[in-house]
Amino acid sequence: MRLSLLALASVLAAGSTTLYAAPFAPYSNVGHPDSPSTITFNGATGTGITAYFYSVSAADTDTISIFDATTSTFLSPQGVFNNQAPFTVGSSVTFTSPSLHNGDTLVFDLYNTSFPGDVFSSNPATSPDGDSHAYFTAFNGTIGAYGTINGTYVGMEDLPANQSDWDYNDDTFVFTSVNAAPTPEPSPSPCSEPGSSALPVPFVASLPGNRLLTRRSTLTPGRVLRQLRLPPARLTASLPPLCSLPHWHLH
């Protein structure tokens, strides 16, 4: 991707006060997708998440939304930070929801108008290629007139895996009141059958936000996660240790 104008300006203005400092660690494993992270809201219940558009290097038109996986609702507003609109870089938006509570798990979704119907998400199960399209790291520095911001830097990839360079700088943001941590590996299945994980369909159908599934439904991990819109860690934590029920396995 081309060097963003903001990053170039920071280099050229060395020794003077810059509009946008970049006090964060850029993604280091360029060319390879990042491991997924679990993002949680760490602000006070009843408050919101303030976000700042930091830079853009993408040629396509992108917007983003935040999904609260704990309550299965999108925060408001949705589809914001149009990266090709004038004055978007440096602007801020506050995401809110009446149901947003401290500790809620969040998912960051990017929509590219060149790929209608696809969601490039921080949750690999939501992304069409099964990869995480968001990179998270700590940010502590100045953002223009907003002064010093202590938050979380979010760099997003807006292209599918077969076209992406995985440098996570297509659209970048700084968010307050969120915490990102590596998503833990799922615990070993207690099932005796190698390579399978018991998942009773009646249990899946009872989870929030799920559509009715029949006994003959073909279940795959990606399909279940996309229907539930749950990060892998939350789905794993939700499953009961039932391994003896026949015909209810994920393959």
Protein backbone atom coordinates (compact mmCIF):
# COMPACT_ATOMS: atom_id res chain seq x y z
CA MET A 1 0.00 0.00 0.00
CA ARG A 2 1.19 3.57 -0.60
CA LEU A 3 2.59 5.47 2.38
CA SER A 4 -0.22 7.43 3.97
CA LEU A 5 -0.05 11.21 3.69
CA LEU A 6 -0.15 11.55 7.45
CA ALA A 7 2.81 9.24 7.97
CA LEU A 8 4.79 11.07 5.24
CA ALA A 9 3.98 14.42 6.82
CA SER A 10 5.28 13.16 10.17
CA VAL A 11 8.60 12.24 8.56
CA LEU A 12 9.00 15.52 6.68
CA ALA A 13 8.12 17.59 9.72
CA ALA A 14 10.74 16.01 11.99
CA GLY A 15 11.96 18.54 14.52
CA SER A 16 8.72 20.50 14.49
CA THR A 17 5.31 19.97 16.02
CA THR A 18 3.43 17.46 13.84
CA LEU A 19 -0.32 17.22 13.45
CA TYR A 20 -0.32 13.44 13.84
CA ALA A 21 2.28 11.60 15.84
CA ALA A 22 2.46 7.84 15.41
CA PRO A 23 3.27 6.44 18.85
CA PHE A 24 2.31 2.86 18.15
CA ALA A 25 3.98 -0.32 16.91
CA PRO A 26 3.25 -0.90 13.20
CA TYR A 27 2.30 -4.41 12.18
CA SER A 28 5.55 -6.37 11.93
CA ASN A 29 4.53 -9.58 10.14
CA VAL A 30 3.61 -7.95 6.82
CA GLY A 31 2.42 -10.40 4.21
CA HIS A 32 0.72 -12.67 6.72
CA PRO A 33 -2.64 -12.24 8.49
CA ASP A 34 -2.54 -11.37 12.16
CA SER A 35 -3.74 -13.77 14.82
CA PRO A 36 -7.24 -12.85 16.02
CA SER A 37 -7.72 -10.68 19.10
CA THR A 38 -10.58 -10.51 21.57
CA ILE A 39 -11.74 -6.91 22.01
CA THR A 40 -13.70 -5.83 25.05
CA PHE A 41 -15.31 -2.59 26.15
CA ASN A 42 -13.57 -1.31 29.29
CA GLY A 43 -15.45 1.93 29.75
CA ALA A 44 -18.19 2.68 32.23
CA THR A 45 -21.63 1.27 31.53
CA GLY A 46 -23.79 3.96 29.94
CA THR A 47 -20.88 5.65 28.16
CA GLY A 48 -19.63 5.17 24.61
CA ILE A 49 -16.52 4.52 22.55
CA THR A 50 -14.83 7.51 20.96
CA ALA A 51 -12.94 6.75 17.75
CA TYR A 52 -10.59 8.87 15.65
CA PHE A 53 -9.87 8.30 11.96
CA TYR A 54 -6.05 8.24 11.88
CA SER A 55 -4.97 7.56 8.28
CA VAL A 56 -5.96 5.98 4.97
CA SER A 57 -3.96 4.35 2.18
CA ALA A 58 -6.79 2.36 0.56
CA ALA A 59 -8.01 3.22 -2.93
CA ASP A 60 -11.39 1.56 -2.42
CA THR A 61 -14.28 3.15 -0.53
CA ASP A 62 -14.61 1.71 2.98
CA THR A 63 -16.75 2.25 6.06
CA ILE A 64 -16.79 0.53 9.46
CA SER A 65 -19.26 -0.60 12.12
CA ILE A 66 -18.86 -2.06 15.61
CA PHE A 67 -20.85 -5.12 16.63
CA ASP A 68 -21.46 -5.96 20.29
CA ALA A 69 -21.22 -9.77 20.29
CA THR A 70 -22.34 -9.98 23.92
CA THR A 71 -25.74 -8.47 23.19
CA SER A 72 -25.88 -9.27 19.44
CA THR A 73 -26.46 -5.63 18.52
CA PHE A 74 -24.61 -3.05 16.44
CA LEU A 75 -23.43 0.12 18.11
CA SER A 76 -24.69 3.38 16.66
CA PRO A 77 -23.85 4.93 14.23
CA GLN A 78 -23.19 2.22 11.63
CA GLY A 79 -21.29 2.45 8.35
CA VAL A 80 -19.20 5.48 9.32
CA PHE A 81 -15.74 6.88 8.55
CA ASN A 82 -16.07 6.86 4.77
CA ASN A 83 -12.37 6.82 3.94
CA GLN A 84 -12.77 8.66 0.62
CA ALA A 85 -14.90 11.51 1.93
CA PRO A 86 -13.28 14.93 2.45
CA PHE A 87 -12.12 15.68 5.98
CA THR A 88 -12.69 12.11 7.21
CA VAL A 89 -9.06 11.76 8.31
CA GLY A 90 -8.78 13.45 11.69
CA SER A 91 -12.50 13.29 12.40
CA SER A 92 -14.03 11.53 15.39
CA VAL A 93 -17.16 9.49 16.08
CA THR A 94 -18.64 8.25 19.35
CA PHE A 95 -20.23 4.80 19.17
CA THR A 96 -23.02 4.15 21.66
CA SER A 97 -25.68 1.61 22.54
CA PRO A 98 -28.16 1.46 25.43
CA SER A 99 -27.08 -2.15 25.98
CA LEU A 100 -23.31 -1.50 26.00
CA HIS A 101 -21.81 -2.68 29.28
CA ASN A 102 -18.31 -2.92 30.68
CA GLY A 103 -16.76 -6.22 29.59
CA ASP A 104 -18.84 -6.67 26.43
CA THR A 105 -17.03 -8.40 23.55
CA LEU A 106 -16.77 -6.26 20.41
CA VAL A 107 -16.22 -7.04 16.73
CA PHE A 108 -14.88 -4.49 14.24
CA ASP A 109 -16.39 -4.81 10.74
CA LEU A 110 -15.16 -3.10 7.56
CA TYR A 111 -17.28 -2.81 4.41
CA ASN A 112 -15.61 -2.28 1.03
CA THR A 113 -17.99 -1.12 -1.72
CA SER A 114 -15.91 -3.05 -4.27
CA PHE A 115 -16.92 -6.29 -2.51
CA PRO A 116 -20.66 -5.97 -1.85
CA GLY A 117 -22.02 -8.47 0.62
CA ASP A 118 -18.62 -9.23 2.20
CA VAL A 119 -17.58 -8.16 5.69
CA PHE A 120 -13.87 -7.83 6.46
CA SER A 121 -13.90 -8.31 10.19
CA SER A 122 -11.74 -8.63 13.28
CA ASN A 123 -13.63 -11.89 13.80
CA PRO A 124 -12.19 -14.44 11.32
CA ALA A 125 -15.46 -16.37 11.30
CA THR A 126 -17.29 -13.34 9.89
CA SER A 127 -14.70 -12.62 7.17
CA PRO A 128 -15.21 -14.47 3.87
CA ASP A 129 -11.59 -15.69 3.85
CA GLY A 130 -11.55 -16.82 7.50
CA ASP A 131 -8.84 -14.30 8.49
CA SER A 132 -8.75 -11.40 10.91
CA HIS A 133 -8.78 -8.08 9.05
CA ALA A 134 -7.88 -5.95 12.08
CA TYR A 135 -4.60 -5.36 13.92
CA PHE A 136 -4.66 -3.94 17.43
CA THR A 137 -1.90 -2.32 19.47
CA ALA A 138 -1.55 0.34 22.17
CA PHE A 139 -1.58 4.01 21.17
CA ASN A 140 -0.43 6.97 23.25
CA GLY A 141 0.18 10.23 21.45
CA THR A 142 -1.17 13.40 19.94
CA ILE A 143 -3.98 13.50 17.39
CA GLY A 144 -4.25 17.04 16.08
CA ALA A 145 -6.54 19.36 17.97
CA TYR A 146 -7.75 16.51 20.17
CA GLY A 147 -4.49 16.57 22.12
CA THR A 148 -2.95 13.49 23.68
CA ILE A 149 -4.99 10.34 23.23
CA ASN A 150 -4.37 7.16 25.18
CA GLY A 151 -6.20 4.36 23.43
CA THR A 152 -6.01 1.43 21.04
CA TYR A 153 -4.70 1.71 17.50
CA VAL A 154 -6.70 -0.34 14.98
CA GLY A 155 -5.31 -0.99 11.50
CA MET A 156 -7.62 -2.71 9.03
CA GLU A 157 -7.20 -4.61 5.76
CA ASP A 158 -9.92 -3.92 3.20
CA LEU A 159 -9.13 -6.67 0.65
CA PRO A 160 -9.70 -10.44 0.67
CA ALA A 161 -6.79 -12.75 1.38
CA ASN A 162 -6.01 -13.47 -2.28
CA GLN A 163 -5.53 -9.73 -2.93
CA SER A 164 -4.31 -8.43 0.42
CA ASP A 165 -0.75 -7.48 1.31
CA TRP A 166 -1.57 -7.85 5.02
CA ASP A 167 0.15 -4.68 6.16
CA TYR A 168 -2.93 -3.48 8.08
CA ASN A 169 -2.73 0.17 7.05
CA ASP A 170 -5.59 0.50 4.55
CA ASP A 171 -7.71 2.35 7.10
CA THR A 172 -6.42 3.09 10.60
CA PHE A 173 -8.18 4.37 13.69
CA VAL A 174 -7.63 5.07 17.36
CA PHE A 175 -10.32 3.90 19.79
CA THR A 176 -10.78 4.75 23.44
CA SER A 177 -12.38 2.54 26.09
CA VAL A 178 -11.50 -0.75 24.40
CA ASN A 179 -9.03 -3.45 25.32
CA ALA A 180 -7.51 -5.98 22.92
CA ALA A 181 -5.91 -9.28 23.91
CA PRO A 182 -4.90 -12.35 21.88
CA THR A 183 -7.79 -14.76 21.49
CA PRO A 184 -6.90 -17.90 23.49
CA GLU A 185 -6.72 -21.23 21.73
CA PRO A 186 -9.84 -23.36 22.29
CA SER A 187 -9.56 -25.93 25.06
CA PRO A 188 -9.07 -29.53 23.90
CA SER A 189 -12.37 -31.21 23.18
CA PRO A 190 -13.46 -33.71 25.84
CA CYS A 191 -14.93 -35.84 23.05
CA SER A 192 -13.33 -39.21 22.47
CA GLU A 193 -13.83 -38.97 18.71
CA PRO A 194 -10.71 -37.38 17.18
CA GLY A 195 -11.27 -34.28 15.10
CA SER A 196 -14.84 -33.64 16.19
CA SER A 197 -16.55 -31.37 18.68
CA ALA A 198 -19.97 -32.22 19.99
CA LEU A 199 -22.51 -29.47 19.44
CA PRO A 200 -26.17 -30.33 20.02
CA VAL A 201 -28.27 -28.46 17.48
CA PRO A 202 -31.04 -27.70 20.02
CA PHE A 203 -28.37 -25.96 22.10
CA VAL A 204 -27.11 -23.97 19.12
CA ALA A 205 -30.65 -22.97 18.19
CA SER A 206 -31.20 -21.61 21.68
CA LEU A 207 -28.26 -19.22 21.60
CA PRO A 208 -28.99 -15.49 21.13
CA GLY A 209 -29.31 -14.29 17.56
CA ASN A 210 -29.46 -17.74 16.03
CA ARG A 211 -31.90 -18.86 13.35
CA LEU A 212 -33.86 -22.05 13.80
CA LEU A 213 -31.79 -25.06 12.77
CA THR A 214 -33.26 -28.42 11.94
CA ARG A 215 -31.86 -31.78 12.91
CA ARG A 216 -30.79 -32.37 9.33
CA SER A 217 -28.90 -29.08 9.05
CA THR A 218 -25.32 -29.34 7.84
CA LEU A 219 -23.25 -27.62 10.50
CA THR A 220 -19.77 -26.27 10.03
CA PRO A 221 -17.83 -24.09 12.50
CA GLY A 222 -17.89 -21.14 10.10
CA ARG A 223 -21.64 -21.43 9.51
CA VAL A 224 -22.41 -21.59 13.21
CA LEU A 225 -20.17 -18.63 14.01
CA ARG A 226 -21.60 -16.54 11.17
CA GLN A 227 -25.16 -17.27 12.27
CA LEU A 228 -24.40 -16.48 15.88
CA ARG A 229 -21.92 -13.66 15.10
CA LEU A 230 -19.86 -14.81 18.08
CA PRO A 231 -16.06 -14.64 18.30
CA PRO A 232 -14.47 -18.12 18.50
CA ALA A 233 -13.52 -17.65 22.16
CA ARG A 234 -17.10 -16.86 23.18
CA LEU A 235 -18.56 -19.75 21.23
CA THR A 236 -16.05 -22.16 22.78
CA ALA A 237 -16.86 -20.86 26.24
CA SER A 238 -20.57 -21.30 25.58
CA LEU A 239 -20.48 -24.94 24.56
CA PRO A 240 -21.61 -27.57 27.07
CA PRO A 241 -19.34 -30.61 27.57
CA LEU A 242 -21.73 -32.97 25.79
CA CYS A 243 -19.96 -35.56 23.66
CA SER A 244 -22.20 -38.57 23.67
CA LEU A 245 -25.08 -37.27 21.56
CA PRO A 246 -24.99 -38.76 18.05
CA HIS A 247 -25.48 -36.78 14.82
CA TRP A 248 -24.78 -33.42 16.40
CA HIS A 249 -21.10 -33.06 15.48
CA LEU A 250 -19.24 -30.29 13.72
CA HIS A 251 -16.96 -31.66 11.02
